[in-house]
Amino acid sequence: MRIFTAVEIENRETLSRIIEFKNKLTACFRGRGLKPVEDENIHITLRFIGEVNDSALPDIERCVKKVSTYAPFEISVKGVGAFPNVSRPRVIWVGIEEGGELLKALRQAMEPCLRPYAKPDRTSFVPHITVGRVKGRPDPGCLKQLLEEFEGTVFGRSSVTEVKLKRSFLRPTGPIYADVLTVRLRG
């Protein structure tokens, strides 16, 4: 099974603003070259684990439960950008400003335990919300203008009260995510 750990955007107004930006981004690509993230799949990935055997699931769940010692907190969702950069975008994202260090701490709490199951990261962890994956050549003028327009936009705040272990079912039309485990932050 293909799995990852995630935090969802709990504040509906903040999520709505992220979806509005994603819809403008989709319009900028005019239906070509962008695979937008489905509204119901918008989240912050803490750790992509990848394909694992079902027999590893109890150990992985034990790893994820380590975050329960953390207290709930808030994040602020602000700004937009692209990985690796705006001139050669592969991923378009919405940023996390306040609370980013706490998201890193949640990830780090699980990391030593998850290391035998997860593929090593190629880059350091930057908390963000992926809203689209670039599959072709965007209209550079439209994309640049849109990213500049939303560069400092405050999308809102959201509570982080739980971490989820999610399963990803890949389909040609896009993935379907299912919750495997939900761990409440209790502090």
N, C-alpha and C. Protein backbone atom coordinates (compact mmCIF):
# COMPACT_ATOMS: atom_id res chain seq x y z
N MET A 1 0.84 -1.17 0.00
CA MET A 1 0.00 0.00 0.00
C MET A 1 0.88 1.24 0.00
N ARG A 2 0.38 2.32 -0.60
CA ARG A 2 1.10 3.59 -0.73
C ARG A 2 0.57 4.53 0.35
N ILE A 3 1.45 5.00 1.25
CA ILE A 3 0.98 5.78 2.39
C ILE A 3 1.83 7.03 2.64
N PHE A 4 1.25 7.95 3.43
CA PHE A 4 1.95 9.17 3.83
C PHE A 4 1.28 9.72 5.08
N THR A 5 1.97 10.62 5.78
CA THR A 5 1.38 11.29 6.94
C THR A 5 1.04 12.72 6.54
N ALA A 6 -0.05 13.24 7.11
CA ALA A 6 -0.53 14.55 6.68
C ALA A 6 -1.28 15.28 7.78
N VAL A 7 -1.38 16.57 7.58
CA VAL A 7 -2.21 17.46 8.39
C VAL A 7 -3.20 18.09 7.41
N GLU A 8 -4.45 18.08 7.77
CA GLU A 8 -5.47 18.69 6.90
C GLU A 8 -5.73 20.13 7.33
N ILE A 9 -6.29 20.91 6.42
CA ILE A 9 -6.65 22.29 6.71
C ILE A 9 -8.03 22.24 7.36
N GLU A 10 -8.07 22.48 8.67
CA GLU A 10 -9.31 22.31 9.43
C GLU A 10 -10.26 23.50 9.32
N ASN A 11 -9.72 24.69 9.07
CA ASN A 11 -10.56 25.88 8.96
C ASN A 11 -11.16 25.95 7.55
N ARG A 12 -12.49 25.88 7.46
CA ARG A 12 -13.18 25.84 6.17
C ARG A 12 -12.99 27.12 5.35
N GLU A 13 -12.95 28.29 6.01
CA GLU A 13 -12.75 29.55 5.27
C GLU A 13 -11.36 29.60 4.65
N THR A 14 -10.36 29.18 5.42
CA THR A 14 -8.99 29.15 4.89
C THR A 14 -8.91 28.17 3.72
N LEU A 15 -9.50 27.01 3.86
CA LEU A 15 -9.52 26.03 2.79
C LEU A 15 -10.21 26.59 1.55
N SER A 16 -11.29 27.32 1.74
CA SER A 16 -12.02 27.93 0.62
C SER A 16 -11.13 28.90 -0.15
N ARG A 17 -10.36 29.70 0.57
CA ARG A 17 -9.46 30.67 -0.09
C ARG A 17 -8.36 29.95 -0.86
N ILE A 18 -7.86 28.85 -0.32
CA ILE A 18 -6.84 28.05 -1.03
C ILE A 18 -7.45 27.50 -2.32
N ILE A 19 -8.67 27.01 -2.25
CA ILE A 19 -9.35 26.46 -3.43
C ILE A 19 -9.60 27.56 -4.47
N GLU A 20 -9.94 28.76 -4.03
CA GLU A 20 -10.11 29.89 -4.97
C GLU A 20 -8.82 30.14 -5.73
N PHE A 21 -7.70 30.18 -5.02
CA PHE A 21 -6.40 30.37 -5.69
C PHE A 21 -6.15 29.23 -6.68
N LYS A 22 -6.39 28.00 -6.24
CA LYS A 22 -6.16 26.83 -7.11
C LYS A 22 -7.00 26.93 -8.38
N ASN A 23 -8.25 27.40 -8.25
CA ASN A 23 -9.12 27.54 -9.42
C ASN A 23 -8.59 28.60 -10.38
N LYS A 24 -8.04 29.69 -9.86
CA LYS A 24 -7.44 30.73 -10.72
C LYS A 24 -6.19 30.16 -11.40
N LEU A 25 -5.44 29.36 -10.68
CA LEU A 25 -4.26 28.72 -11.25
C LEU A 25 -4.66 27.80 -12.40
N THR A 26 -5.70 27.01 -12.18
CA THR A 26 -6.20 26.10 -13.21
C THR A 26 -6.63 26.86 -14.46
N ALA A 27 -7.31 28.00 -14.26
CA ALA A 27 -7.73 28.82 -15.39
C ALA A 27 -6.53 29.37 -16.15
N CYS A 28 -5.48 29.69 -15.43
CA CYS A 28 -4.25 30.22 -16.05
C CYS A 28 -3.65 29.19 -17.02
N PHE A 29 -3.78 27.93 -16.70
CA PHE A 29 -3.23 26.87 -17.55
C PHE A 29 -4.21 26.45 -18.65
N ARG A 30 -5.43 27.00 -18.60
CA ARG A 30 -6.46 26.72 -19.61
C ARG A 30 -6.67 25.22 -19.84
N GLY A 31 -6.62 24.45 -18.76
CA GLY A 31 -6.91 23.02 -18.87
C GLY A 31 -5.78 22.17 -19.41
N ARG A 32 -4.59 22.77 -19.68
CA ARG A 32 -3.47 21.97 -20.19
C ARG A 32 -2.25 22.16 -19.30
N GLY A 33 -1.55 21.09 -19.09
CA GLY A 33 -0.26 21.17 -18.45
C GLY A 33 -0.26 21.30 -16.93
N LEU A 34 -1.44 21.26 -16.31
CA LEU A 34 -1.50 21.34 -14.85
C LEU A 34 -2.42 20.25 -14.34
N LYS A 35 -1.95 19.54 -13.33
CA LYS A 35 -2.80 18.57 -12.63
C LYS A 35 -3.12 19.19 -11.28
N PRO A 36 -4.30 19.85 -11.18
CA PRO A 36 -4.66 20.46 -9.90
C PRO A 36 -5.00 19.39 -8.86
N VAL A 37 -4.72 19.70 -7.61
CA VAL A 37 -5.08 18.81 -6.51
C VAL A 37 -6.59 18.94 -6.30
N GLU A 38 -7.27 17.81 -6.19
CA GLU A 38 -8.71 17.82 -5.96
C GLU A 38 -8.98 18.50 -4.62
N ASP A 39 -10.10 19.24 -4.55
CA ASP A 39 -10.44 20.00 -3.34
C ASP A 39 -10.36 19.13 -2.09
N GLU A 40 -10.91 17.93 -2.16
CA GLU A 40 -10.96 17.05 -0.99
C GLU A 40 -9.59 16.47 -0.61
N ASN A 41 -8.59 16.64 -1.49
CA ASN A 41 -7.26 16.09 -1.24
C ASN A 41 -6.26 17.13 -0.76
N ILE A 42 -6.68 18.36 -0.58
CA ILE A 42 -5.76 19.42 -0.16
C ILE A 42 -5.32 19.16 1.29
N HIS A 43 -3.99 19.18 1.51
CA HIS A 43 -3.43 18.88 2.83
C HIS A 43 -1.97 19.32 2.86
N ILE A 44 -1.35 19.17 4.02
CA ILE A 44 0.09 19.37 4.17
C ILE A 44 0.69 17.98 4.40
N THR A 45 1.54 17.54 3.50
CA THR A 45 2.21 16.26 3.69
C THR A 45 3.35 16.45 4.68
N LEU A 46 3.33 15.69 5.77
CA LEU A 46 4.44 15.72 6.72
C LEU A 46 5.54 14.78 6.26
N ARG A 47 5.15 13.57 5.84
CA ARG A 47 6.16 12.60 5.40
C ARG A 47 5.54 11.64 4.40
N PHE A 48 6.08 11.64 3.18
CA PHE A 48 5.68 10.64 2.20
C PHE A 48 6.46 9.37 2.53
N ILE A 49 5.76 8.29 2.73
CA ILE A 49 6.41 7.03 3.08
C ILE A 49 6.56 6.15 1.84
N GLY A 50 5.52 6.07 1.02
CA GLY A 50 5.60 5.29 -0.21
C GLY A 50 4.96 3.92 -0.05
N GLU A 51 5.38 3.00 -0.89
CA GLU A 51 4.83 1.64 -0.89
C GLU A 51 5.40 0.83 0.27
N VAL A 52 4.50 0.22 1.04
CA VAL A 52 4.92 -0.65 2.15
C VAL A 52 4.04 -1.90 2.15
N ASN A 53 4.55 -2.95 2.74
CA ASN A 53 3.77 -4.17 2.92
C ASN A 53 2.75 -3.96 4.03
N ASP A 54 1.61 -4.60 3.91
CA ASP A 54 0.59 -4.51 4.96
C ASP A 54 1.14 -4.92 6.32
N SER A 55 2.10 -5.83 6.33
CA SER A 55 2.66 -6.32 7.60
C SER A 55 3.42 -5.22 8.35
N ALA A 56 3.84 -4.16 7.66
CA ALA A 56 4.58 -3.06 8.30
C ALA A 56 3.64 -2.05 8.96
N LEU A 57 2.36 -2.14 8.65
CA LEU A 57 1.41 -1.13 9.13
C LEU A 57 1.38 -0.95 10.65
N PRO A 58 1.36 -2.00 11.46
CA PRO A 58 1.36 -1.78 12.92
C PRO A 58 2.57 -0.98 13.41
N ASP A 59 3.75 -1.24 12.86
CA ASP A 59 4.94 -0.48 13.25
C ASP A 59 4.82 0.98 12.81
N ILE A 60 4.33 1.19 11.61
CA ILE A 60 4.18 2.56 11.10
C ILE A 60 3.15 3.32 11.92
N GLU A 61 2.06 2.67 12.28
CA GLU A 61 1.06 3.33 13.14
C GLU A 61 1.67 3.71 14.49
N ARG A 62 2.50 2.85 15.04
CA ARG A 62 3.19 3.16 16.30
C ARG A 62 4.05 4.42 16.14
N CYS A 63 4.71 4.56 15.01
CA CYS A 63 5.54 5.73 14.73
C CYS A 63 4.69 7.00 14.71
N VAL A 64 3.56 6.93 14.04
CA VAL A 64 2.69 8.11 13.90
C VAL A 64 2.11 8.51 15.25
N LYS A 65 1.84 7.55 16.10
CA LYS A 65 1.26 7.84 17.42
C LYS A 65 2.20 8.66 18.30
N LYS A 66 3.47 8.75 17.95
CA LYS A 66 4.43 9.53 18.73
C LYS A 66 4.06 11.02 18.77
N VAL A 67 3.28 11.50 17.81
CA VAL A 67 2.92 12.93 17.79
C VAL A 67 1.86 13.27 18.83
N SER A 68 1.24 12.28 19.44
CA SER A 68 0.16 12.55 20.40
C SER A 68 0.63 13.36 21.60
N THR A 69 1.93 13.38 21.86
CA THR A 69 2.46 14.14 22.99
C THR A 69 2.52 15.64 22.71
N TYR A 70 2.29 16.04 21.48
CA TYR A 70 2.31 17.47 21.12
C TYR A 70 0.94 18.09 21.39
N ALA A 71 0.96 19.35 21.77
CA ALA A 71 -0.28 20.10 21.99
C ALA A 71 -0.80 20.64 20.66
N PRO A 72 -2.12 20.78 20.52
CA PRO A 72 -2.66 21.41 19.32
C PRO A 72 -2.08 22.82 19.16
N PHE A 73 -2.00 23.28 17.93
CA PHE A 73 -1.47 24.62 17.64
C PHE A 73 -2.13 25.17 16.39
N GLU A 74 -1.80 26.41 16.06
CA GLU A 74 -2.36 27.05 14.88
C GLU A 74 -1.27 27.33 13.86
N ILE A 75 -1.65 27.29 12.60
CA ILE A 75 -0.76 27.71 11.52
C ILE A 75 -1.39 28.89 10.81
N SER A 76 -0.54 29.70 10.21
CA SER A 76 -1.04 30.74 9.31
C SER A 76 -0.63 30.35 7.90
N VAL A 77 -1.57 30.48 6.99
CA VAL A 77 -1.38 30.09 5.60
C VAL A 77 -1.21 31.38 4.80
N LYS A 78 0.00 31.55 4.24
CA LYS A 78 0.31 32.82 3.58
C LYS A 78 1.27 32.61 2.42
N GLY A 79 1.00 33.28 1.32
CA GLY A 79 1.90 33.30 0.18
C GLY A 79 1.79 32.09 -0.72
N VAL A 80 2.40 32.21 -1.88
CA VAL A 80 2.40 31.13 -2.88
C VAL A 80 3.79 31.06 -3.51
N GLY A 81 4.06 29.98 -4.19
CA GLY A 81 5.34 29.83 -4.87
C GLY A 81 5.37 28.57 -5.70
N ALA A 82 6.56 28.22 -6.15
CA ALA A 82 6.74 27.06 -7.01
C ALA A 82 8.05 26.36 -6.67
N PHE A 83 8.03 25.04 -6.76
CA PHE A 83 9.25 24.23 -6.64
C PHE A 83 9.58 23.69 -8.02
N PRO A 84 10.80 23.61 -8.48
CA PRO A 84 11.98 24.12 -7.80
C PRO A 84 12.07 25.65 -7.84
N ASN A 85 11.45 26.29 -8.85
CA ASN A 85 11.41 27.75 -8.90
C ASN A 85 10.32 28.19 -9.89
N VAL A 86 10.06 29.48 -9.94
CA VAL A 86 8.97 30.01 -10.77
C VAL A 86 9.27 29.87 -12.26
N SER A 87 10.54 29.93 -12.64
CA SER A 87 10.85 29.84 -14.07
C SER A 87 10.76 28.41 -14.60
N ARG A 88 10.91 27.41 -13.72
CA ARG A 88 10.76 26.00 -14.12
C ARG A 88 9.88 25.29 -13.10
N PRO A 89 8.63 25.67 -13.00
CA PRO A 89 7.78 25.10 -11.94
C PRO A 89 7.42 23.64 -12.20
N ARG A 90 7.47 22.84 -11.14
CA ARG A 90 6.98 21.46 -11.19
C ARG A 90 5.80 21.30 -10.23
N VAL A 91 5.87 22.08 -9.12
CA VAL A 91 4.82 22.06 -8.11
C VAL A 91 4.47 23.51 -7.76
N ILE A 92 3.18 23.82 -7.74
CA ILE A 92 2.71 25.13 -7.29
C ILE A 92 2.14 24.93 -5.90
N TRP A 93 2.54 25.81 -4.96
CA TRP A 93 2.15 25.62 -3.57
C TRP A 93 1.66 26.91 -2.92
N VAL A 94 0.95 26.69 -1.80
CA VAL A 94 0.55 27.76 -0.89
C VAL A 94 1.39 27.56 0.36
N GLY A 95 1.89 28.67 0.91
CA GLY A 95 2.86 28.58 1.99
C GLY A 95 2.28 28.51 3.39
N ILE A 96 3.12 28.07 4.31
CA ILE A 96 2.82 28.05 5.74
C ILE A 96 3.79 29.04 6.37
N GLU A 97 3.27 30.02 7.09
CA GLU A 97 4.15 30.97 7.74
C GLU A 97 4.28 30.59 9.21
N GLU A 98 3.41 31.09 10.03
CA GLU A 98 3.44 30.77 11.46
C GLU A 98 3.05 29.30 11.65
N GLY A 99 3.75 28.61 12.53
CA GLY A 99 3.45 27.20 12.80
C GLY A 99 4.29 26.23 12.00
N GLY A 100 5.06 26.74 11.05
CA GLY A 100 5.89 25.87 10.22
C GLY A 100 6.92 25.08 11.03
N GLU A 101 7.48 25.72 12.06
CA GLU A 101 8.47 25.03 12.90
C GLU A 101 7.83 23.90 13.70
N LEU A 102 6.57 24.10 14.10
CA LEU A 102 5.87 23.04 14.84
C LEU A 102 5.53 21.87 13.91
N LEU A 103 5.21 22.16 12.65
CA LEU A 103 4.98 21.08 11.68
C LEU A 103 6.27 20.28 11.49
N LYS A 104 7.40 20.98 11.43
CA LYS A 104 8.69 20.29 11.32
C LYS A 104 8.95 19.42 12.54
N ALA A 105 8.55 19.92 13.72
CA ALA A 105 8.75 19.14 14.95
C ALA A 105 7.90 17.86 14.94
N LEU A 106 6.66 17.95 14.43
CA LEU A 106 5.82 16.76 14.32
C LEU A 106 6.48 15.72 13.41
N ARG A 107 6.97 16.20 12.30
CA ARG A 107 7.64 15.30 11.35
C ARG A 107 8.86 14.66 12.00
N GLN A 108 9.64 15.48 12.70
CA GLN A 108 10.86 14.98 13.32
C GLN A 108 10.56 13.95 14.42
N ALA A 109 9.43 14.11 15.10
CA ALA A 109 9.05 13.15 16.14
C ALA A 109 8.84 11.76 15.56
N MET A 110 8.38 11.69 14.31
CA MET A 110 8.12 10.40 13.66
C MET A 110 9.31 9.87 12.87
N GLU A 111 10.18 10.76 12.46
CA GLU A 111 11.22 10.44 11.48
C GLU A 111 12.12 9.26 11.84
N PRO A 112 12.72 9.21 13.02
CA PRO A 112 13.62 8.07 13.30
C PRO A 112 12.90 6.72 13.21
N CYS A 113 11.67 6.69 13.66
CA CYS A 113 10.88 5.47 13.65
C CYS A 113 10.44 5.09 12.23
N LEU A 114 10.16 6.09 11.39
CA LEU A 114 9.69 5.83 10.02
C LEU A 114 10.82 5.55 9.03
N ARG A 115 12.03 5.91 9.41
CA ARG A 115 13.16 5.81 8.48
C ARG A 115 13.29 4.45 7.79
N PRO A 116 13.08 3.32 8.48
CA PRO A 116 13.21 2.03 7.78
C PRO A 116 12.16 1.81 6.69
N TYR A 117 11.07 2.56 6.72
CA TYR A 117 9.97 2.36 5.77
C TYR A 117 9.90 3.40 4.67
N ALA A 118 10.41 4.60 4.95
CA ALA A 118 10.27 5.71 4.01
C ALA A 118 11.53 5.88 3.17
N LYS A 119 11.33 6.33 1.95
CA LYS A 119 12.46 6.64 1.09
C LYS A 119 13.14 7.91 1.61
N PRO A 120 14.46 7.99 1.50
CA PRO A 120 15.13 9.21 1.96
C PRO A 120 14.68 10.42 1.15
N ASP A 121 14.59 11.56 1.82
CA ASP A 121 14.23 12.80 1.13
C ASP A 121 15.40 13.30 0.30
N ARG A 122 15.07 13.89 -0.83
CA ARG A 122 16.12 14.49 -1.67
C ARG A 122 16.38 15.94 -1.28
N THR A 123 15.40 16.56 -0.63
CA THR A 123 15.54 17.96 -0.20
C THR A 123 15.04 18.07 1.24
N SER A 124 15.35 19.19 1.86
CA SER A 124 14.88 19.38 3.24
C SER A 124 13.38 19.68 3.23
N PHE A 125 12.73 19.36 4.33
CA PHE A 125 11.29 19.51 4.46
C PHE A 125 10.92 20.99 4.59
N VAL A 126 10.03 21.45 3.70
CA VAL A 126 9.48 22.80 3.74
C VAL A 126 7.97 22.66 3.83
N PRO A 127 7.36 23.00 4.97
CA PRO A 127 5.90 22.86 5.07
C PRO A 127 5.19 23.71 4.01
N HIS A 128 4.30 23.09 3.27
CA HIS A 128 3.56 23.77 2.21
C HIS A 128 2.32 22.95 1.85
N ILE A 129 1.45 23.57 1.08
CA ILE A 129 0.23 22.91 0.59
C ILE A 129 0.33 22.86 -0.93
N THR A 130 0.52 21.69 -1.50
CA THR A 130 0.56 21.56 -2.95
C THR A 130 -0.85 21.76 -3.50
N VAL A 131 -0.97 22.67 -4.50
CA VAL A 131 -2.27 22.89 -5.14
C VAL A 131 -2.28 22.44 -6.59
N GLY A 132 -1.10 22.20 -7.16
CA GLY A 132 -1.05 21.74 -8.54
C GLY A 132 0.33 21.24 -8.92
N ARG A 133 0.35 20.27 -9.83
CA ARG A 133 1.61 19.74 -10.36
C ARG A 133 1.66 20.09 -11.84
N VAL A 134 2.75 20.70 -12.24
CA VAL A 134 2.91 21.15 -13.63
C VAL A 134 3.38 19.97 -14.47
N LYS A 135 2.61 19.66 -15.51
CA LYS A 135 2.93 18.53 -16.39
C LYS A 135 3.39 18.98 -17.76
N GLY A 136 3.22 20.25 -18.07
CA GLY A 136 3.60 20.76 -19.38
C GLY A 136 4.24 22.12 -19.25
N ARG A 137 4.08 22.92 -20.28
CA ARG A 137 4.65 24.27 -20.28
C ARG A 137 3.54 25.27 -19.99
N PRO A 138 3.63 25.96 -18.87
CA PRO A 138 2.59 26.95 -18.55
C PRO A 138 2.74 28.19 -19.39
N ASP A 139 1.69 28.99 -19.44
CA ASP A 139 1.77 30.32 -20.02
C ASP A 139 2.59 31.13 -19.01
N PRO A 140 3.86 31.42 -19.33
CA PRO A 140 4.72 32.03 -18.31
C PRO A 140 4.22 33.39 -17.83
N GLY A 141 3.61 34.16 -18.70
CA GLY A 141 3.10 35.48 -18.30
C GLY A 141 1.98 35.36 -17.30
N CYS A 142 1.03 34.49 -17.59
CA CYS A 142 -0.12 34.30 -16.70
C CYS A 142 0.32 33.76 -15.35
N LEU A 143 1.18 32.74 -15.36
CA LEU A 143 1.64 32.13 -14.11
C LEU A 143 2.41 33.14 -13.27
N LYS A 144 3.32 33.87 -13.91
CA LYS A 144 4.13 34.87 -13.19
C LYS A 144 3.23 35.93 -12.56
N GLN A 145 2.27 36.41 -13.32
CA GLN A 145 1.35 37.43 -12.83
C GLN A 145 0.52 36.90 -11.65
N LEU A 146 0.03 35.68 -11.77
CA LEU A 146 -0.78 35.09 -10.71
C LEU A 146 0.04 34.89 -9.43
N LEU A 147 1.26 34.38 -9.57
CA LEU A 147 2.11 34.17 -8.40
C LEU A 147 2.49 35.49 -7.74
N GLU A 148 2.73 36.52 -8.55
CA GLU A 148 3.03 37.84 -8.00
C GLU A 148 1.81 38.42 -7.27
N GLU A 149 0.63 38.23 -7.86
CA GLU A 149 -0.61 38.74 -7.27
C GLU A 149 -0.87 38.13 -5.89
N PHE A 150 -0.58 36.84 -5.74
CA PHE A 150 -0.89 36.13 -4.50
C PHE A 150 0.33 35.96 -3.58
N GLU A 151 1.47 36.54 -3.95
CA GLU A 151 2.73 36.34 -3.22
C GLU A 151 2.61 36.59 -1.72
N GLY A 152 1.95 37.65 -1.32
CA GLY A 152 1.84 37.97 0.10
C GLY A 152 0.45 37.74 0.67
N THR A 153 -0.39 37.06 -0.08
CA THR A 153 -1.78 36.86 0.35
C THR A 153 -1.86 36.03 1.62
N VAL A 154 -2.65 36.52 2.56
CA VAL A 154 -2.94 35.76 3.77
C VAL A 154 -4.23 34.98 3.51
N PHE A 155 -4.11 33.67 3.44
CA PHE A 155 -5.27 32.81 3.18
C PHE A 155 -6.06 32.57 4.46
N GLY A 156 -5.40 32.70 5.60
CA GLY A 156 -6.08 32.54 6.87
C GLY A 156 -5.28 31.69 7.84
N ARG A 157 -5.96 31.29 8.89
CA ARG A 157 -5.35 30.46 9.93
C ARG A 157 -6.10 29.13 9.98
N SER A 158 -5.46 28.15 10.58
CA SER A 158 -6.12 26.86 10.76
C SER A 158 -5.51 26.16 11.96
N SER A 159 -6.33 25.46 12.69
CA SER A 159 -5.85 24.67 13.82
C SER A 159 -5.24 23.38 13.32
N VAL A 160 -4.25 22.90 14.06
CA VAL A 160 -3.68 21.58 13.83
C VAL A 160 -3.98 20.79 15.09
N THR A 161 -4.95 19.90 15.01
CA THR A 161 -5.36 19.11 16.17
C THR A 161 -5.11 17.62 15.99
N GLU A 162 -4.73 17.21 14.76
CA GLU A 162 -4.50 15.80 14.51
C GLU A 162 -3.56 15.59 13.34
N VAL A 163 -2.93 14.44 13.33
CA VAL A 163 -2.07 14.00 12.24
C VAL A 163 -2.69 12.71 11.71
N LYS A 164 -2.73 12.59 10.40
CA LYS A 164 -3.34 11.40 9.80
C LYS A 164 -2.32 10.59 9.02
N LEU A 165 -2.48 9.29 9.11
CA LEU A 165 -1.78 8.37 8.23
C LEU A 165 -2.78 8.07 7.14
N LYS A 166 -2.40 8.35 5.89
CA LYS A 166 -3.33 8.22 4.78
C LYS A 166 -2.80 7.21 3.76
N ARG A 167 -3.74 6.57 3.13
CA ARG A 167 -3.44 5.65 2.04
C ARG A 167 -3.84 6.32 0.74
N SER A 168 -3.02 6.14 -0.28
CA SER A 168 -3.26 6.75 -1.58
C SER A 168 -3.53 5.65 -2.61
N PHE A 169 -4.69 5.74 -3.24
CA PHE A 169 -5.04 4.83 -4.34
C PHE A 169 -4.87 5.63 -5.63
N LEU A 170 -3.90 5.25 -6.45
CA LEU A 170 -3.64 6.00 -7.68
C LEU A 170 -4.60 5.57 -8.79
N ARG A 171 -5.15 6.59 -9.48
CA ARG A 171 -6.04 6.36 -10.62
C ARG A 171 -5.64 7.33 -11.73
N PRO A 172 -5.98 7.05 -12.97
CA PRO A 172 -5.64 7.97 -14.06
C PRO A 172 -6.24 9.37 -13.87
N THR A 173 -7.39 9.44 -13.22
CA THR A 173 -8.05 10.74 -13.03
C THR A 173 -7.56 11.48 -11.78
N GLY A 174 -6.73 10.84 -10.99
CA GLY A 174 -6.21 11.45 -9.77
C GLY A 174 -6.35 10.50 -8.60
N PRO A 175 -5.56 10.73 -7.55
CA PRO A 175 -5.57 9.80 -6.41
C PRO A 175 -6.82 9.93 -5.56
N ILE A 176 -7.12 8.86 -4.87
CA ILE A 176 -8.15 8.87 -3.83
C ILE A 176 -7.41 8.59 -2.53
N TYR A 177 -7.65 9.42 -1.52
CA TYR A 177 -7.00 9.24 -0.23
C TYR A 177 -8.00 8.68 0.77
N ALA A 178 -7.52 7.77 1.61
CA ALA A 178 -8.34 7.20 2.67
C ALA A 178 -7.55 7.27 3.97
N ASP A 179 -8.22 7.68 5.03
CA ASP A 179 -7.58 7.72 6.34
C ASP A 179 -7.36 6.30 6.87
N VAL A 180 -6.14 6.02 7.28
CA VAL A 180 -5.79 4.74 7.88
C VAL A 180 -5.80 4.88 9.41
N LEU A 181 -5.28 6.02 9.88
CA LEU A 181 -5.16 6.27 11.32
C LEU A 181 -5.22 7.78 11.56
N THR A 182 -5.94 8.19 12.59
CA THR A 182 -5.97 9.58 13.00
C THR A 182 -5.44 9.66 14.43
N VAL A 183 -4.43 10.50 14.63
CA VAL A 183 -3.83 10.67 15.95
C VAL A 183 -4.10 12.09 16.42
N ARG A 184 -4.82 12.22 17.53
CA ARG A 184 -5.14 13.53 18.11
C ARG A 184 -3.93 14.05 18.86
N LEU A 185 -3.68 15.35 18.72
CA LEU A 185 -2.64 16.01 19.51
C LEU A 185 -3.23 16.33 20.86
N ARG A 186 -2.57 15.89 21.92
CA ARG A 186 -3.12 16.06 23.27
C ARG A 186 -2.22 16.89 24.17
N GLY A 187 -0.93 16.96 23.85
CA GLY A 187 -0.02 17.76 24.66
C GLY A 187 0.39 17.09 25.95
